[in-house]
């Protein structure tokens, strides 16, 4: 996993001829702004950023790293980290 600014990620996507990344967030996001957004980046990685700080850093994951994380989340491997 590497970290870069959103501006750098957008520039990387634009320079690759694909335009800016299309950032999306979960339809389950709340209006309080506690959200993250994800996007496919030009280099094939997955970007994750804080929706309140769109110019801030972007966490970048390879597709295999992202797949492992999503699979773990679906299997409940991280449920103990959430406060109820």
C-alpha atoms as a PDB file:
ATOM      1  CA  UNK A   1       0.000   0.000   0.000  1.00  0.00           C
ATOM      2  CA  UNK A   2       1.297   3.453  -0.890  1.00  0.00           C
ATOM      3  CA  UNK A   3       0.000   6.903  -0.068  1.00  0.00           C
ATOM      4  CA  UNK A   4      -0.195   9.954  -2.342  1.00  0.00           C
ATOM      5  CA  UNK A   5      -2.122  13.192  -2.492  1.00  0.00           C
ATOM      6  CA  UNK A   6      -5.483  13.286  -4.250  1.00  0.00           C
ATOM      7  CA  UNK A   7      -4.023  15.871  -6.602  1.00  0.00           C
ATOM      8  CA  UNK A   8      -1.207  13.506  -7.562  1.00  0.00           C
ATOM      9  CA  UNK A   9      -3.663  10.648  -8.076  1.00  0.00           C
ATOM     10  CA  UNK A  10      -5.860  12.827 -10.277  1.00  0.00           C
ATOM     11  CA  UNK A  11      -2.819  13.959 -12.260  1.00  0.00           C
ATOM     12  CA  UNK A  12      -1.687  10.373 -12.725  1.00  0.00           C
ATOM     13  CA  UNK A  13      -5.117   9.439 -14.071  1.00  0.00           C
ATOM     14  CA  UNK A  14      -5.270  12.460 -16.360  1.00  0.00           C
ATOM     15  CA  UNK A  15      -1.778  11.911 -17.703  1.00  0.00           C
ATOM     16  CA  UNK A  16      -2.674   8.335 -18.565  1.00  0.00           C
ATOM     17  CA  UNK A  17      -5.429   9.670 -20.832  1.00  0.00           C
ATOM     18  CA  UNK A  18      -8.292   8.375 -18.738  1.00  0.00           C
ATOM     19  CA  UNK A  19      -9.332  11.680 -17.193  1.00  0.00           C
ATOM     20  CA  UNK A  20      -9.918  12.165 -13.506  1.00  0.00           C
ATOM     21  CA  UNK A  21     -10.921   9.196 -11.352  1.00  0.00           C
ATOM     22  CA  UNK A  22     -14.624   8.750 -10.659  1.00  0.00           C
ATOM     23  CA  UNK A  23     -14.875   8.754  -6.845  1.00  0.00           C
ATOM     24  CA  UNK A  24     -17.818   6.929  -5.275  1.00  0.00           C
ATOM     25  CA  UNK A  25     -18.990   6.334  -1.729  1.00  0.00           C
ATOM     26  CA  UNK A  26     -21.345   3.818  -0.236  1.00  0.00           C
ATOM     27  CA  UNK A  27     -25.069   4.391  -0.523  1.00  0.00           C
ATOM     28  CA  UNK A  28     -25.084   3.572   3.210  1.00  0.00           C
ATOM     29  CA  UNK A  29     -22.999   6.666   4.023  1.00  0.00           C
ATOM     30  CA  UNK A  30     -24.535   9.003   6.547  1.00  0.00           C
ATOM     31  CA  UNK A  31     -25.082  12.741   6.136  1.00  0.00           C
ATOM     32  CA  UNK A  32     -22.669  13.439   9.025  1.00  0.00           C
ATOM     33  CA  UNK A  33     -19.751  13.248   6.581  1.00  0.00           C
ATOM     34  CA  UNK A  34     -18.028  10.225   8.102  1.00  0.00           C
ATOM     35  CA  UNK A  35     -17.369   8.676   4.711  1.00  0.00           C
ATOM     36  CA  UNK A  36     -14.613   7.422   2.506  1.00  0.00           C
ATOM     37  CA  UNK A  37     -14.649   7.369  -1.288  1.00  0.00           C
ATOM     38  CA  UNK A  38     -13.065   4.837  -3.621  1.00  0.00           C
ATOM     39  CA  UNK A  39     -11.997   5.044  -7.254  1.00  0.00           C
ATOM     40  CA  UNK A  40     -10.225   3.010  -9.896  1.00  0.00           C
ATOM     41  CA  UNK A  41      -6.994   4.840 -10.654  1.00  0.00           C
ATOM     42  CA  UNK A  42      -5.253   5.096 -14.015  1.00  0.00           C
ATOM     43  CA  UNK A  43      -2.469   2.718 -13.001  1.00  0.00           C
ATOM     44  CA  UNK A  44      -4.952  -0.038 -12.134  1.00  0.00           C
ATOM     45  CA  UNK A  45      -4.815   0.526  -8.395  1.00  0.00           C
ATOM     46  CA  UNK A  46      -7.756   1.328  -6.132  1.00  0.00           C
ATOM     47  CA  UNK A  47      -7.715   4.707  -4.377  1.00  0.00           C
ATOM     48  CA  UNK A  48      -9.386   5.433  -1.035  1.00  0.00           C
ATOM     49  CA  UNK A  49      -9.773   8.957   0.360  1.00  0.00           C
ATOM     50  CA  UNK A  50     -11.636  10.872   3.061  1.00  0.00           C
ATOM     51  CA  UNK A  51     -14.726  12.450   1.498  1.00  0.00           C
ATOM     52  CA  UNK A  52     -14.317  15.520   3.727  1.00  0.00           C
ATOM     53  CA  UNK A  53     -10.754  16.098   2.475  1.00  0.00           C
ATOM     54  CA  UNK A  54     -10.852  15.443  -1.269  1.00  0.00           C
ATOM     55  CA  UNK A  55      -7.545  17.264  -1.790  1.00  0.00           C
ATOM     56  CA  UNK A  56      -5.894  15.224   0.962  1.00  0.00           C
ATOM     57  CA  UNK A  57      -3.950  11.974   0.801  1.00  0.00           C
ATOM     58  CA  UNK A  58      -5.111   8.945  -1.149  1.00  0.00           C
ATOM     59  CA  UNK A  59      -4.425   5.427   0.061  1.00  0.00           C
ATOM     60  CA  UNK A  60      -3.599   3.229  -2.917  1.00  0.00           C
ATOM     61  CA  UNK A  61      -4.107  -0.527  -3.055  1.00  0.00           C
ATOM     62  CA  UNK A  62      -3.329  -3.106  -5.708  1.00  0.00           C
ATOM     63  CA  UNK A  63      -6.337  -5.030  -6.959  1.00  0.00           C
ATOM     64  CA  UNK A  64      -5.204  -8.126  -5.003  1.00  0.00           C
ATOM     65  CA  UNK A  65      -4.834  -6.083  -1.780  1.00  0.00           C
ATOM     66  CA  UNK A  66      -8.280  -4.545  -2.316  1.00  0.00           C
ATOM     67  CA  UNK A  67      -9.839  -7.930  -3.047  1.00  0.00           C
ATOM     68  CA  UNK A  68      -8.324  -9.392   0.144  1.00  0.00           C
ATOM     69  CA  UNK A  69      -9.676  -6.473   2.194  1.00  0.00           C
ATOM     70  CA  UNK A  70     -13.186  -6.630   0.706  1.00  0.00           C
ATOM     71  CA  UNK A  71     -13.315 -10.392   1.175  1.00  0.00           C
ATOM     72  CA  UNK A  72     -12.259  -9.998   4.816  1.00  0.00           C
ATOM     73  CA  UNK A  73     -14.892  -7.302   5.368  1.00  0.00           C
ATOM     74  CA  UNK A  74     -17.599  -9.478   3.819  1.00  0.00           C
ATOM     75  CA  UNK A  75     -16.541 -12.362   6.056  1.00  0.00           C
ATOM     76  CA  UNK A  76     -16.802 -10.194   9.181  1.00  0.00           C
ATOM     77  CA  UNK A  77     -13.074 -10.279   9.945  1.00  0.00           C
ATOM     78  CA  UNK A  78     -13.097  -6.599  10.978  1.00  0.00           C
ATOM     79  CA  UNK A  79     -16.415  -6.470  12.816  1.00  0.00           C
ATOM     80  CA  UNK A  80     -14.669  -6.340  16.199  1.00  0.00           C
ATOM     81  CA  UNK A  81     -13.227  -2.915  15.228  1.00  0.00           C
ATOM     82  CA  UNK A  82     -16.605  -1.171  15.059  1.00  0.00           C
ATOM     83  CA  UNK A  83     -18.269   0.423  18.040  1.00  0.00           C
ATOM     84  CA  UNK A  84     -21.962  -0.299  18.466  1.00  0.00           C
END
